[in-house]
Each structure stands twice: as structure tokens, then as C-alpha cells.
Amino acid sequence: MLHPSRDDKIPVVNNFMDPGHEPGKGLYFADGKRKVDYVLVYQYRRPSSVHDSPGQHRLSVISNGSFPRVGSKEPEGVKEEHAEVVLDVGPADPAEGEKLMIREEFEANLREAGLEMERDNEHKVHGQGFIRVHAPWQVLSREAEFLKIKVPTKKSYELKEEKGLSGTMSTIWRKMNQPFQPKVPNLQDQSRTKYLSHSFSRDKLHLYNIESKDTFFDNATRSRIVYEILRRTACTRTCQTMGITTLIAKGVYDSAFPLHDGDFKGENHNVQSEDKNDRQLLHDEWARYGAFYKYQPVDLIRKYFGEKIGLYFAWLGVYTQLLALASLVGIIVFLYGCFTIDSNVPSLEMCDEKQNFTMCPLCDRACEYWHLSTACGTARASHLFDNPATVFFAIFMSLWAVMFLEHWKRRQNSLNYSWNMTGMEEEEEHPRPKYETILLQKRQRKRRSRKKNKSEPEKSMEESNDPSKDKWRQWLLSAMTTGNPVVFCRGCENLFTRFFSSVHV
């Protein structure tokens, strides 16, 4: 693959000029070897000065190179068979030009970080553009060591099965649950085999079972590594911006996302489970209504989406299973109310027309007298949900909540051990892009105010920096903060005193 030169006078040359050859589609680049780990989406607008020859393809493959800068012109003497593309990327809209400069700097910083990118064709005057991002092995290994990602080693051991009565009960329980287990290949073998994990280190590659560098890190780990690079890459020359999330909030990019593992439908629906990709397995054995009775393949969910999403659905599965018991008890309590509604004394008295009492109005002037029998339906309906059995149900739900929490703690510890998350530290939450933008604007206003104050006379500076003036402001603010609630409470006290005194009189 040709690397674009950094010289501004050299145009972008389409180096995939085979007839019918198009840019990479699906999960790989145009060469069919490098996997797409992330996709950046942006809006572009081409000026009318872009010259394309008939039947010309437009594909710019960037690999640790640089984009052509604004004002690139076609050099003389360039042969036509190279199918050069001359870009004049000076848009008429100043905002679009600023976004273009930010994108160029951001993508240049990504290339300096080691990422490889492939830009999609731009046939239209304006529309959406796509940039596919690939992380090579050097970047993956470097970032995995920096993030201390745990990976399995060659050392493994088999988990021993229980013996005696507990082992027999476990075997019987597994056979009873066999129809409810998802048909995921190698799921039982993985649950019985435990691989020792260790934080990745480039100096200890001999400890890991690396069959292929392209498949050693799963898709979730690759996407996580690329996202960490996108998140911390800054644009300091064009704007004080940190990360892809802030750029999306500013409208420089529309979105950024990883790709799924192929189509979930597949060309052949009768294919065996061993030949399906992870997305097809999740769709067939989990994410459809026909698999509602099966257990969740939490290990496959964790492999595809990561530990955070895997723990969420594991919690949801435990909550749903234990909620079935609570719902069963609730149905029994409701049926008890249905069977005892005819023997409920308060309902019988209210529904008896012979003992129909005339009740006082519910309000002073606008309401009228009413008969007690008119509340018969409400009394019978309330007995369905408010009967003596609801006291037992309230006590049961309190015990159920404690049982659910303890059971989830046990399940969570088991998943943390099997997923090698026992030594992981909780990640700090990053500030929201909107907050970062507001904070940046506030800092810029402070800088401008400081410059303005420096240009003013010294007298005005002394007045603005007078400490006694600031003290009076602080005293006034504290007095208003503490005085208003006191006055409000005192007024409410006087109001209630007068009201009750008038009532007693």
C-alpha cells in the first residue's frame, strides 16, 4: 500500500485502480486482511472545484501518513493513467472549514498514535463520510499493557466435579435443565476449564497462547482499546478539545461506533452452531422471542459486548428468576382475596341495601350527602389487594429482597472469578462532553477578562481587587441565605397560630 506523502503539492493518488475494485465493505479494509475496529462518521461538503475524470474511483487509504492539506493543487507532468484526484477542500462555510481543520488534526494525531485508517469514497457533493479505523498488533499490545488488560495464559486446569450426594444432585439438576440451556458450542468445556490469567505484557509473550495475532484479542477488547485512544486524543492546535466524545458534541463527527460481527441472519439458516458467528448465536439463542425459556449465554454476552454489559444481563437474569417466585406468591395472595371476597364483613355491610346509611358530605359547601352502598364496588375491589394475606406477602417480600441481594453477591463473585475480574479497579467516570465544552468556554472567558483587566488603569484594578468590597459581598450573601428561611418559618408559624385560634373561637 502506498503511503501518502507529507508534501502539500502531491495529490492523493488512488492506489486501488483495479476494475470493479471498491473500498472495503463489511468487516475489513479494501485489502481484505485488516479488520475494521471502529468507524467514524462525519458530514462533508465538496466544492465545485473538485475535478474527477469519467469513471474515476475515489479511495484514500491512510496508513501512518497524512491527508492532503487545504489548497492542494495538481502538479504538472502527472500522467493521466494514475487516476489522480485533486482535492480543493476549501468550503464556503467557515464553520465547515473549521470542522475540516479539526478533523485533519484529530486524524493526524490518531495516525501518530499508530492507528490505520481508510476513508470511504465521496461521490456526492455533500453527504456522510466514513472513516474505518484499524489497530495493528503494535498498538493493541502497547495499549493492552498500558490498560493492564488480563489475558489467558497457557496454564490451565480442569475443575473437579463434585462427588457423593451433592454430585448426584448436580448431575440430575443439569439433566433437568438441559432443554433450557442455550446451544452454544464449547460452552460446557469452557465452564469446566479454567485458564490462569495475567496482565498483558510485551516482555512475556511466551506465556500467552498466541495462535494468531489477529485473533488473540477479541472484538470487544479491540474496540475498547481503539475507543481509549479516540477518547484521549486531543486537538490542541485548532481547539482545546479532548477526545472523540467532545468532537461529536461539537458536530465535528456525527458518531463513532464499532461494527458487529457480521450479519445476524446469515445466508444459510440451516448452518450448524459451530459455523455461526457470535452475533448469529446471540440472535438465535438469546435475542428473540422463541428463546424466552432458555438461560442467558452470559459468557458469550461477555465475550461479545464486554464485562460491563455481561454483568448487567447476568444481574437481569438473576432478578428475573427470583422475581418468578415473588410473582407466584403474589398471585396466590390475589386468588385468596378473590375466594374470600364474599365473606368479608366490611364489604358485606357496605353492599347491604337494608343497612344503607346516609353519609355526610365529603366537603363543606359543594358536596352533597351520599349513601354508603355507592362505595360497594370500591370496597370489594380493595379487598382483592388489601386482605389479611397481604401482611404475609409484605413480610415475604422483605425476606425476598434480602435473599435476592445475597444471591446476587454470590453470583457476582462467581462471575468475577470466572471472568478474571477479581483484581480489577473500578474505572473513574469521565466528564460529559457538554460539561467539558461549558468548562472550556468558561476558561476562555476568564482569560479574556484577565487580559481586559490588565489593560485598564491601575486605579480600576485596585477597586476591583479591593478585599473589603469582597467581604461586604460575602456578608450580604450569607445574610440573605440565612435570613430568608428564618423569616419564612416565622411567617408560617404566625399564620398557623392565627388559623388555629380562629378555628377554636
Protein backbone atom coordinates (compact mmCIF):
# COMPACT_ATOMS: atom_id res chain seq x y z
CA MET A 1 0.00 0.00 0.00
CA LEU A 2 1.32 3.44 -0.88
CA HIS A 3 1.81 5.92 1.90
CA PRO A 4 0.68 9.47 1.07
CA SER A 5 3.50 11.94 1.15
CA ARG A 6 3.56 14.91 3.51
CA ASP A 7 4.35 17.27 0.68
CA ASP A 8 1.44 19.64 0.08
CA LYS A 9 1.94 19.63 -3.69
CA ILE A 10 1.46 15.91 -4.18
CA PRO A 11 -2.19 14.96 -4.76
CA VAL A 12 -3.94 11.95 -3.31
CA VAL A 13 -3.42 9.05 -5.68
CA ASN A 14 -5.93 6.25 -5.87
CA ASN A 15 -3.82 3.16 -5.38
CA PHE A 16 -6.68 0.66 -5.87
CA MET A 17 -7.45 1.11 -9.51
CA ASP A 18 -8.35 -2.44 -10.46
CA PRO A 19 -11.59 -2.52 -12.45
CA GLY A 20 -14.54 -3.20 -10.19
CA HIS A 21 -12.44 -2.85 -7.04
CA GLU A 22 -14.29 -0.90 -4.40
CA PRO A 23 -13.31 0.25 -0.91
CA GLY A 24 -13.57 -2.18 1.94
CA LYS A 25 -17.06 -3.33 2.79
CA GLY A 26 -18.15 -5.15 5.88
CA LEU A 27 -15.57 -6.04 8.50
CA TYR A 28 -12.30 -5.49 6.62
CA PHE A 29 -10.36 -2.88 4.71
CA ALA A 30 -10.09 -2.90 0.94
CA ASP A 31 -7.16 -5.32 1.14
CA GLY A 32 -9.40 -7.90 2.85
CA LYS A 33 -6.86 -8.50 5.64
CA ARG A 34 -7.04 -5.66 8.15
CA LYS A 35 -10.09 -5.76 10.39
CA VAL A 36 -12.25 -2.69 10.96
CA ASP A 37 -12.19 -1.96 14.69
CA TYR A 38 -14.04 1.37 14.69
CA VAL A 39 -15.93 3.64 12.30
CA LEU A 40 -16.06 7.44 12.36
CA VAL A 41 -18.96 9.19 10.64
CA TYR A 42 -18.92 12.84 9.57
CA GLN A 43 -20.72 15.23 7.23
CA TYR A 44 -18.76 16.54 4.24
CA ARG A 45 -19.42 19.14 1.56
CA ARG A 46 -17.28 19.19 -1.56
CA PRO A 47 -16.83 22.43 -3.50
CA SER A 48 -17.45 22.61 -7.22
CA SER A 49 -13.72 22.88 -7.92
CA VAL A 50 -13.13 19.17 -7.43
CA HIS A 51 -12.22 17.62 -10.78
CA ASP A 52 -12.82 13.95 -11.42
CA SER A 53 -12.26 12.15 -14.67
CA PRO A 54 -15.09 9.96 -16.04
CA GLY A 55 -15.23 6.57 -14.40
CA GLN A 56 -12.71 7.65 -11.79
CA HIS A 57 -12.73 5.95 -8.40
CA ARG A 58 -12.09 7.87 -5.20
CA LEU A 59 -10.43 6.00 -2.40
CA SER A 60 -7.89 7.39 0.01
CA VAL A 61 -6.13 4.83 2.17
CA ILE A 62 -4.30 6.39 5.06
CA SER A 63 -1.72 4.37 6.95
CA ASN A 64 0.51 6.47 9.20
CA GLY A 65 0.60 9.16 6.53
CA SER A 66 -1.21 12.45 6.19
CA PHE A 67 -4.16 13.90 4.35
CA PRO A 68 -3.65 16.46 1.61
CA ARG A 69 -3.92 19.90 3.07
CA VAL A 70 -6.11 22.78 2.05
CA GLY A 71 -5.06 24.32 -1.19
CA SER A 72 -3.52 21.20 -2.76
CA LYS A 73 -3.01 21.60 -6.49
CA GLU A 74 -2.26 19.17 -9.21
CA PRO A 75 1.40 19.18 -10.22
CA GLU A 76 2.35 19.46 -13.81
CA GLY A 77 3.51 16.42 -15.64
CA VAL A 78 1.40 13.91 -13.78
CA LYS A 79 0.21 11.18 -16.08
CA GLU A 80 -3.46 10.59 -16.54
CA GLU A 81 -3.38 6.82 -16.12
CA HIS A 82 -2.71 7.18 -12.41
CA ALA A 83 -6.27 8.46 -11.98
CA GLU A 84 -5.27 11.23 -9.62
CA VAL A 85 -7.84 13.06 -7.55
CA VAL A 86 -7.20 16.75 -6.98
CA LEU A 87 -8.87 18.00 -3.81
CA ASP A 88 -9.69 21.63 -3.19
CA VAL A 89 -11.16 21.30 0.26
CA GLY A 90 -11.84 24.95 0.95
CA PRO A 91 -15.56 25.03 1.70
CA ALA A 92 -17.54 28.22 1.55
CA ASP A 93 -18.95 27.87 5.06
CA PRO A 94 -16.42 29.00 7.71
CA ALA A 95 -17.88 26.54 10.23
CA GLU A 96 -17.34 23.67 7.79
CA GLY A 97 -13.78 24.81 7.25
CA GLU A 98 -13.13 24.84 10.98
CA LYS A 99 -14.57 21.35 11.36
CA LEU A 100 -12.40 20.15 8.48
CA MET A 101 -9.27 21.53 10.15
CA ILE A 102 -10.21 19.88 13.45
CA ARG A 103 -10.81 16.54 11.70
CA GLU A 104 -7.46 16.76 9.92
CA GLU A 105 -5.60 17.43 13.16
CA PHE A 106 -7.51 14.74 15.04
CA GLU A 107 -6.88 12.12 12.36
CA ALA A 108 -3.23 13.13 12.14
CA ASN A 109 -2.91 12.58 15.90
CA LEU A 110 -4.59 9.19 15.53
CA ARG A 111 -2.03 8.22 12.91
CA GLU A 112 0.75 9.32 15.22
CA ALA A 113 -0.76 7.00 17.85
CA GLY A 114 -0.33 4.12 15.38
CA LEU A 115 -3.88 3.65 14.10
CA GLU A 116 -4.51 2.92 10.45
CA MET A 117 -7.45 4.49 8.60
CA GLU A 118 -9.27 4.08 5.34
CA ARG A 119 -11.52 6.82 4.03
CA ASP A 120 -14.69 5.98 2.14
CA ASN A 121 -15.47 7.19 -1.37
CA GLU A 122 -17.01 10.65 -1.72
CA HIS A 123 -19.00 10.66 -4.95
CA LYS A 124 -21.64 13.20 -3.92
CA VAL A 125 -21.28 16.93 -3.45
CA HIS A 126 -22.34 16.62 0.17
CA GLY A 127 -23.31 13.73 2.39
CA GLN A 128 -21.96 11.40 5.04
CA GLY A 129 -18.38 10.24 5.02
CA PHE A 130 -16.99 7.18 6.76
CA ILE A 131 -13.52 6.50 8.11
CA ARG A 132 -12.67 2.94 9.05
CA VAL A 133 -10.10 2.57 11.82
CA HIS A 134 -7.81 -0.42 12.33
CA ALA A 135 -5.49 -1.07 15.26
CA PRO A 136 -2.41 -3.15 14.32
CA TRP A 137 -0.72 -5.56 16.69
CA GLN A 138 1.82 -2.99 17.85
CA VAL A 139 -0.94 -0.65 19.01
CA LEU A 140 -3.02 -3.43 20.58
CA SER A 141 -0.10 -4.82 22.55
CA ARG A 142 1.05 -1.39 23.69
CA GLU A 143 -2.39 -0.28 24.86
CA ALA A 144 -3.20 -3.66 26.43
CA GLU A 145 -0.07 -3.35 28.54
CA PHE A 146 -0.93 0.25 29.43
CA LEU A 147 -4.53 -0.62 30.39
CA LYS A 148 -3.39 -3.78 32.22
CA ILE A 149 -5.85 -5.97 30.35
CA LYS A 150 -5.89 -9.52 31.65
CA VAL A 151 -5.48 -12.24 29.05
CA PRO A 152 -5.44 -16.04 29.47
CA THR A 153 -2.09 -17.79 29.66
CA LYS A 154 -1.08 -21.28 28.57
CA LYS A 155 -1.50 -22.59 32.11
CA SER A 156 -4.92 -24.19 32.66
CA TYR A 157 -6.56 -26.76 34.89
CA GLU A 158 -9.77 -28.74 34.91
CA LEU A 159 -12.38 -28.07 37.56
CA LYS A 160 -13.17 -31.23 39.51
CA GLU A 161 -16.75 -32.41 39.63
CA GLU A 162 -18.48 -32.87 42.93
CA LYS A 163 -18.81 -36.40 44.30
CA GLY A 164 -21.25 -38.07 46.60
CA LEU A 165 -24.79 -36.87 47.15
CA SER A 166 -24.07 -33.29 46.07
CA GLY A 167 -22.51 -34.53 42.83
CA THR A 168 -25.50 -36.75 42.11
CA MET A 169 -27.90 -33.87 42.74
CA SER A 170 -25.85 -31.60 40.48
CA THR A 171 -25.93 -34.19 37.69
CA ILE A 172 -29.69 -34.62 38.00
CA TRP A 173 -30.18 -30.86 38.01
CA ARG A 174 -28.04 -30.43 34.88
CA LYS A 175 -30.05 -33.08 33.05
CA MET A 176 -33.31 -31.41 34.05
CA ASN A 177 -32.03 -28.03 32.85
CA GLN A 178 -30.60 -29.36 29.59
CA PRO A 179 -33.62 -28.28 27.46
CA PHE A 180 -33.30 -24.76 28.86
CA GLN A 181 -29.60 -24.38 28.11
CA PRO A 182 -28.58 -22.32 25.04
CA LYS A 183 -26.98 -24.28 22.21
CA VAL A 184 -23.63 -22.53 22.28
CA PRO A 185 -20.69 -24.71 21.16
CA ASN A 186 -17.86 -25.31 23.64
CA LEU A 187 -19.86 -23.66 26.41
CA GLN A 188 -19.64 -26.64 28.77
CA ASP A 189 -15.96 -27.21 28.02
CA GLN A 190 -15.17 -23.57 28.79
CA SER A 191 -17.07 -23.74 32.07
CA ARG A 192 -15.06 -26.78 33.22
CA THR A 193 -11.66 -25.46 32.05
CA LYS A 194 -10.05 -22.58 33.91
CA TYR A 195 -7.19 -20.63 32.32
CA LEU A 196 -4.92 -18.64 34.55
CA SER A 197 -4.90 -15.00 33.50
CA HIS A 198 -2.23 -12.37 33.78
CA SER A 199 -1.99 -8.71 32.86
CA PHE A 200 -0.67 -8.40 29.33
CA SER A 201 3.00 -7.59 28.97
CA ARG A 202 5.03 -7.38 25.77
CA ASP A 203 8.01 -8.87 27.61
CA LYS A 204 6.08 -12.06 28.45
CA LEU A 205 4.59 -13.06 25.12
CA HIS A 206 5.86 -16.60 25.59
CA LEU A 207 3.40 -17.09 28.47
CA TYR A 208 0.31 -16.47 26.36
CA ASN A 209 -1.33 -18.86 23.96
CA ILE A 210 -0.99 -16.68 20.85
CA GLU A 211 -2.13 -18.74 17.88
CA SER A 212 -2.70 -15.67 15.71
CA LYS A 213 -2.03 -12.03 16.48
CA ASP A 214 -5.16 -11.04 14.54
CA THR A 215 -7.47 -13.11 16.76
CA PHE A 216 -5.66 -13.02 20.11
CA PHE A 217 -7.71 -10.02 21.30
CA ASP A 218 -11.45 -10.46 20.87
CA ASN A 219 -13.65 -7.85 19.22
CA ALA A 220 -14.76 -6.27 22.49
CA THR A 221 -11.16 -5.79 23.64
CA ARG A 222 -10.07 -4.37 20.28
CA SER A 223 -12.97 -1.90 20.29
CA ARG A 224 -12.18 -0.91 23.86
CA ILE A 225 -8.54 -0.22 23.03
CA VAL A 226 -9.41 1.88 19.98
CA TYR A 227 -12.03 3.79 21.95
CA GLU A 228 -9.50 4.62 24.66
CA ILE A 229 -7.20 6.08 22.00
CA LEU A 230 -10.07 8.05 20.47
CA ARG A 231 -11.14 9.31 23.88
CA ARG A 232 -7.77 10.67 24.99
CA THR A 233 -6.56 12.05 21.64
CA ALA A 234 -6.56 15.86 21.81
CA CYS A 235 -6.76 18.67 19.27
CA THR A 236 -4.53 21.38 20.72
CA ARG A 237 -3.66 23.30 17.56
CA THR A 238 -7.15 24.00 16.24
CA CYS A 239 -9.12 23.86 19.50
CA GLN A 240 -8.67 22.84 23.12
CA THR A 241 -10.64 19.63 22.77
CA MET A 242 -10.03 16.24 24.33
CA GLY A 243 -11.48 13.08 22.83
CA ILE A 244 -13.98 11.87 20.28
CA THR A 245 -16.96 12.44 22.59
CA THR A 246 -16.34 16.18 22.68
CA LEU A 247 -15.89 16.28 18.91
CA ILE A 248 -19.23 14.53 18.46
CA ALA A 249 -20.86 17.03 20.82
CA LYS A 250 -19.43 19.88 18.75
CA GLY A 251 -20.66 18.37 15.48
CA VAL A 252 -17.22 17.66 14.04
CA TYR A 253 -18.20 13.98 13.81
CA ASP A 254 -21.71 12.58 13.73
CA SER A 255 -20.96 9.35 15.55
CA ALA A 256 -18.31 6.75 16.31
CA PHE A 257 -19.03 3.07 16.78
CA PRO A 258 -17.57 -0.43 16.35
CA LEU A 259 -19.01 -2.90 13.88
CA HIS A 260 -20.99 -6.03 14.61
CA ASP A 261 -19.57 -9.47 13.90
CA GLY A 262 -21.27 -9.97 10.55
CA ASP A 263 -24.97 -10.32 9.74
CA PHE A 264 -27.14 -11.99 12.37
CA LYS A 265 -29.44 -13.57 9.77
CA GLY A 266 -26.84 -15.24 7.61
CA GLU A 267 -27.17 -16.58 4.09
CA ASN A 268 -27.94 -20.15 5.16
CA HIS A 269 -30.34 -20.56 8.07
CA ASN A 270 -29.63 -24.30 8.38
CA VAL A 271 -25.96 -23.83 9.19
CA GLN A 272 -24.60 -25.65 12.24
CA SER A 273 -23.92 -23.84 15.50
CA GLU A 274 -20.16 -24.40 15.14
CA ASP A 275 -20.14 -22.42 11.88
CA LYS A 276 -22.17 -19.44 13.14
CA ASN A 277 -20.56 -16.23 14.26
CA ASP A 278 -21.13 -14.85 17.73
CA ARG A 279 -23.82 -12.44 16.58
CA GLN A 280 -25.84 -15.22 14.95
CA LEU A 281 -25.54 -17.34 18.09
CA LEU A 282 -26.72 -14.48 20.27
CA HIS A 283 -29.68 -13.85 17.98
CA ASP A 284 -30.74 -17.48 17.74
CA GLU A 285 -30.18 -18.46 21.38
CA TRP A 286 -30.88 -15.21 23.21
CA ALA A 287 -32.23 -12.11 21.42
CA ARG A 288 -35.50 -13.48 20.04
CA TYR A 289 -38.89 -14.35 21.49
CA GLY A 290 -38.55 -18.03 20.63
CA ALA A 291 -35.71 -18.39 23.16
CA PHE A 292 -37.54 -16.82 26.10
CA TYR A 293 -37.45 -20.06 28.12
CA LYS A 294 -33.67 -20.55 27.82
CA TYR A 295 -30.96 -19.39 30.15
CA GLN A 296 -28.87 -16.46 29.01
CA PRO A 297 -25.46 -17.26 27.48
CA VAL A 298 -23.72 -14.79 29.78
CA ASP A 299 -20.25 -15.98 28.78
CA LEU A 300 -20.98 -15.29 25.13
CA ILE A 301 -22.56 -11.93 26.01
CA ARG A 302 -19.44 -11.02 27.93
CA LYS A 303 -17.22 -12.09 25.04
CA TYR A 304 -19.20 -10.05 22.51
CA PHE A 305 -20.12 -6.91 24.48
CA GLY A 306 -17.59 -6.87 27.32
CA GLU A 307 -17.67 -7.40 31.06
CA LYS A 308 -19.83 -4.39 31.89
CA ILE A 309 -22.72 -5.42 29.64
CA GLY A 310 -22.25 -9.06 30.63
CA LEU A 311 -22.64 -8.24 34.33
CA TYR A 312 -25.76 -6.20 33.62
CA PHE A 313 -27.54 -9.04 31.82
CA ALA A 314 -26.34 -11.51 34.44
CA TRP A 315 -27.97 -9.33 37.10
CA LEU A 316 -31.11 -9.08 34.97
CA GLY A 317 -31.26 -12.87 34.66
CA VAL A 318 -30.91 -13.40 38.42
CA TYR A 319 -33.54 -10.74 39.10
CA THR A 320 -35.98 -12.30 36.63
CA GLN A 321 -35.51 -15.81 38.00
CA LEU A 322 -36.11 -14.79 41.61
CA LEU A 323 -38.95 -12.49 40.61
CA ALA A 324 -40.83 -15.53 39.30
CA LEU A 325 -41.11 -16.82 42.88
CA ALA A 326 -42.34 -13.44 44.14
CA SER A 327 -44.91 -13.20 41.36
CA LEU A 328 -46.19 -16.70 42.19
CA VAL A 329 -46.74 -15.73 45.83
CA GLY A 330 -48.42 -12.51 44.72
CA ILE A 331 -50.84 -14.46 42.51
CA ILE A 332 -51.70 -16.75 45.45
CA VAL A 333 -52.44 -13.70 47.64
CA PHE A 334 -54.65 -12.24 44.91
CA LEU A 335 -56.56 -15.51 44.50
CA TYR A 336 -57.06 -15.66 48.26
CA GLY A 337 -58.70 -12.25 48.07
CA CYS A 338 -60.96 -13.45 45.24
CA PHE A 339 -62.12 -16.51 47.19
CA THR A 340 -62.77 -14.62 50.45
CA ILE A 341 -64.49 -11.58 48.99
CA ASP A 342 -67.98 -12.93 49.76
CA SER A 343 -67.10 -13.47 53.42
CA ASN A 344 -65.54 -10.07 54.02
CA VAL A 345 -67.65 -8.34 56.70
CA PRO A 346 -66.89 -4.68 55.78
CA SER A 347 -67.74 -5.33 52.13
CA LEU A 348 -70.97 -7.13 53.05
CA GLU A 349 -72.09 -4.27 55.31
CA MET A 350 -71.36 -1.65 52.71
CA CYS A 351 -73.16 -3.60 49.98
CA ASP A 352 -76.24 -4.39 52.12
CA GLU A 353 -79.06 -2.15 50.92
CA LYS A 354 -81.08 -2.77 54.10
CA GLN A 355 -78.39 -1.12 56.17
CA ASN A 356 -77.90 1.74 53.78
CA PHE A 357 -76.50 4.67 55.72
CA THR A 358 -76.60 8.27 54.62
CA MET A 359 -73.12 9.73 54.89
CA CYS A 360 -72.10 13.33 55.48
CA PRO A 361 -70.74 15.36 52.56
CA LEU A 362 -67.05 14.98 51.84
CA CYS A 363 -66.59 18.75 51.67
CA ASP A 364 -68.30 21.78 53.24
CA ARG A 365 -70.37 23.50 50.52
CA ALA A 366 -70.06 21.95 47.07
CA CYS A 367 -70.58 18.30 48.14
CA GLU A 368 -73.89 16.58 48.88
CA TYR A 369 -74.97 13.73 51.15
CA TRP A 370 -74.27 10.27 49.78
CA HIS A 371 -75.23 6.66 50.51
CA LEU A 372 -72.75 4.12 51.81
CA SER A 373 -73.88 1.49 49.28
CA THR A 374 -72.45 3.55 46.42
CA ALA A 375 -68.94 2.52 47.59
CA CYS A 376 -69.74 -1.18 47.35
CA GLY A 377 -67.69 -1.81 44.22
CA THR A 378 -64.68 0.06 45.58
CA ALA A 379 -64.78 -1.90 48.83
CA ARG A 380 -64.93 -5.26 47.05
CA ALA A 381 -62.10 -4.30 44.71
CA SER A 382 -59.89 -3.10 47.57
CA HIS A 383 -60.32 -6.44 49.33
CA LEU A 384 -58.63 -8.19 46.39
CA PHE A 385 -55.38 -6.35 47.12
CA ASP A 386 -55.83 -5.47 50.80
CA ASN A 387 -56.72 -8.63 52.70
CA PRO A 388 -55.14 -10.46 55.66
CA ALA A 389 -52.82 -12.36 53.29
CA THR A 390 -51.13 -9.13 52.20
CA VAL A 391 -49.49 -8.93 55.64
CA PHE A 392 -47.80 -12.25 54.93
CA PHE A 393 -46.90 -11.03 51.43
CA ALA A 394 -45.24 -7.89 52.85
CA ILE A 395 -43.11 -9.99 55.22
CA PHE A 396 -42.28 -12.38 52.38
CA MET A 397 -41.13 -9.53 50.08
CA SER A 398 -38.82 -8.22 52.79
CA LEU A 399 -37.19 -11.63 53.11
CA TRP A 400 -37.16 -11.97 49.31
CA ALA A 401 -35.23 -8.70 48.92
CA VAL A 402 -32.56 -9.89 51.36
CA MET A 403 -32.35 -13.27 49.61
CA PHE A 404 -32.03 -11.58 46.22
CA LEU A 405 -29.16 -9.36 47.35
CA GLU A 406 -27.24 -12.24 48.91
CA HIS A 407 -27.80 -14.47 45.90
CA TRP A 408 -26.61 -11.75 43.53
CA LYS A 409 -23.47 -11.17 45.62
CA ARG A 410 -22.69 -14.86 45.32
CA ARG A 411 -23.36 -14.84 41.58
CA GLN A 412 -21.30 -11.70 41.06
CA ASN A 413 -18.30 -13.13 42.91
CA SER A 414 -18.55 -16.29 40.82
CA LEU A 415 -18.58 -14.29 37.58
CA ASN A 416 -15.71 -12.09 38.76
CA TYR A 417 -13.63 -15.21 39.36
CA SER A 418 -14.53 -16.94 36.10
CA TRP A 419 -14.09 -13.73 34.07
CA ASN A 420 -10.79 -12.82 35.78
CA MET A 421 -12.03 -9.55 37.24
CA THR A 422 -11.03 -10.10 40.87
CA GLY A 423 -8.11 -7.68 40.76
CA MET A 424 -9.69 -5.02 38.57
CA GLU A 425 -10.15 -1.50 39.87
CA GLU A 426 -13.30 0.45 39.20
CA GLU A 427 -12.79 2.94 36.39
CA GLU A 428 -13.42 6.60 37.01
CA GLU A 429 -16.32 8.11 35.13
CA HIS A 430 -15.23 10.64 32.54
CA PRO A 431 -16.87 14.08 32.45
CA ARG A 432 -19.67 14.58 29.97
CA PRO A 433 -18.76 16.28 26.66
CA LYS A 434 -21.29 19.05 27.29
CA TYR A 435 -19.68 19.77 30.66
CA GLU A 436 -16.22 19.86 29.09
CA THR A 437 -17.45 22.33 26.46
CA ILE A 438 -19.02 24.63 29.07
CA LEU A 439 -15.87 24.42 31.19
CA LEU A 440 -13.71 25.32 28.18
CA GLN A 441 -15.91 28.33 27.39
CA LYS A 442 -15.73 29.47 31.00
CA ARG A 443 -11.93 29.27 30.99
CA GLN A 444 -11.78 31.26 27.77
CA ARG A 445 -13.99 33.98 29.26
CA LYS A 446 -11.73 34.15 32.31
CA ARG A 447 -8.67 34.58 30.09
CA ARG A 448 -10.34 37.39 28.17
CA SER A 449 -11.41 39.12 31.38
CA ARG A 450 -7.86 38.90 32.74
CA LYS A 451 -6.46 40.46 29.59
CA LYS A 452 -9.06 43.20 29.77
CA ASN A 453 -8.27 43.93 33.41
CA LYS A 454 -4.57 44.17 32.64
CA SER A 455 -5.20 46.82 30.01
CA GLU A 456 -7.29 49.02 32.38
CA PRO A 457 -5.70 51.68 34.62
CA GLU A 458 -4.23 50.69 37.94
CA LYS A 459 -6.96 52.53 39.80
CA SER A 460 -9.70 50.36 38.39
CA MET A 461 -7.57 47.31 39.14
CA GLU A 462 -7.27 48.33 42.78
CA GLU A 463 -11.02 48.89 43.03
CA SER A 464 -11.82 45.52 41.52
CA ASN A 465 -9.32 43.76 43.81
CA ASP A 466 -10.37 45.58 47.00
CA PRO A 467 -10.69 42.85 49.70
CA SER A 468 -13.11 44.89 51.83
CA LYS A 469 -15.55 45.04 48.91
CA ASP A 470 -15.46 41.29 48.54
CA LYS A 471 -16.08 40.86 52.28
CA TRP A 472 -19.20 43.04 52.15
CA ARG A 473 -20.49 40.94 49.26
CA GLN A 474 -19.88 37.73 51.18
CA TRP A 475 -21.59 39.09 54.31
CA LEU A 476 -24.60 40.25 52.34
CA LEU A 477 -24.92 36.91 50.56
CA SER A 478 -24.66 34.93 53.81
CA ALA A 479 -27.23 37.20 55.50
CA MET A 480 -29.69 36.71 52.66
CA THR A 481 -29.10 32.94 52.65
CA THR A 482 -29.72 32.51 56.37
CA GLY A 483 -32.27 35.28 56.84
CA ASN A 484 -34.81 34.30 54.21
CA PRO A 485 -35.56 30.82 55.66
CA VAL A 486 -35.87 32.30 59.17
CA VAL A 487 -38.36 34.93 58.00
CA PHE A 488 -40.31 32.32 56.04
CA CYS A 489 -40.57 29.94 59.01
CA ARG A 490 -41.58 32.78 61.32
CA GLY A 491 -44.33 33.86 58.93
CA CYS A 492 -45.65 30.29 58.61
CA GLU A 493 -45.72 29.99 62.40
CA ASN A 494 -47.76 33.17 62.77
CA LEU A 495 -50.13 32.07 60.01
CA PHE A 496 -50.83 28.68 61.60
CA THR A 497 -51.28 30.27 65.03
CA ARG A 498 -53.92 32.65 63.74
CA PHE A 499 -55.67 29.88 61.80
CA PHE A 500 -56.00 27.51 64.77
CA SER A 501 -57.02 30.33 67.10
CA SER A 502 -59.84 31.31 64.74
CA VAL A 503 -61.00 27.68 64.48
CA HIS A 504 -61.19 27.25 68.25
CA VAL A 505 -63.07 30.52 68.61
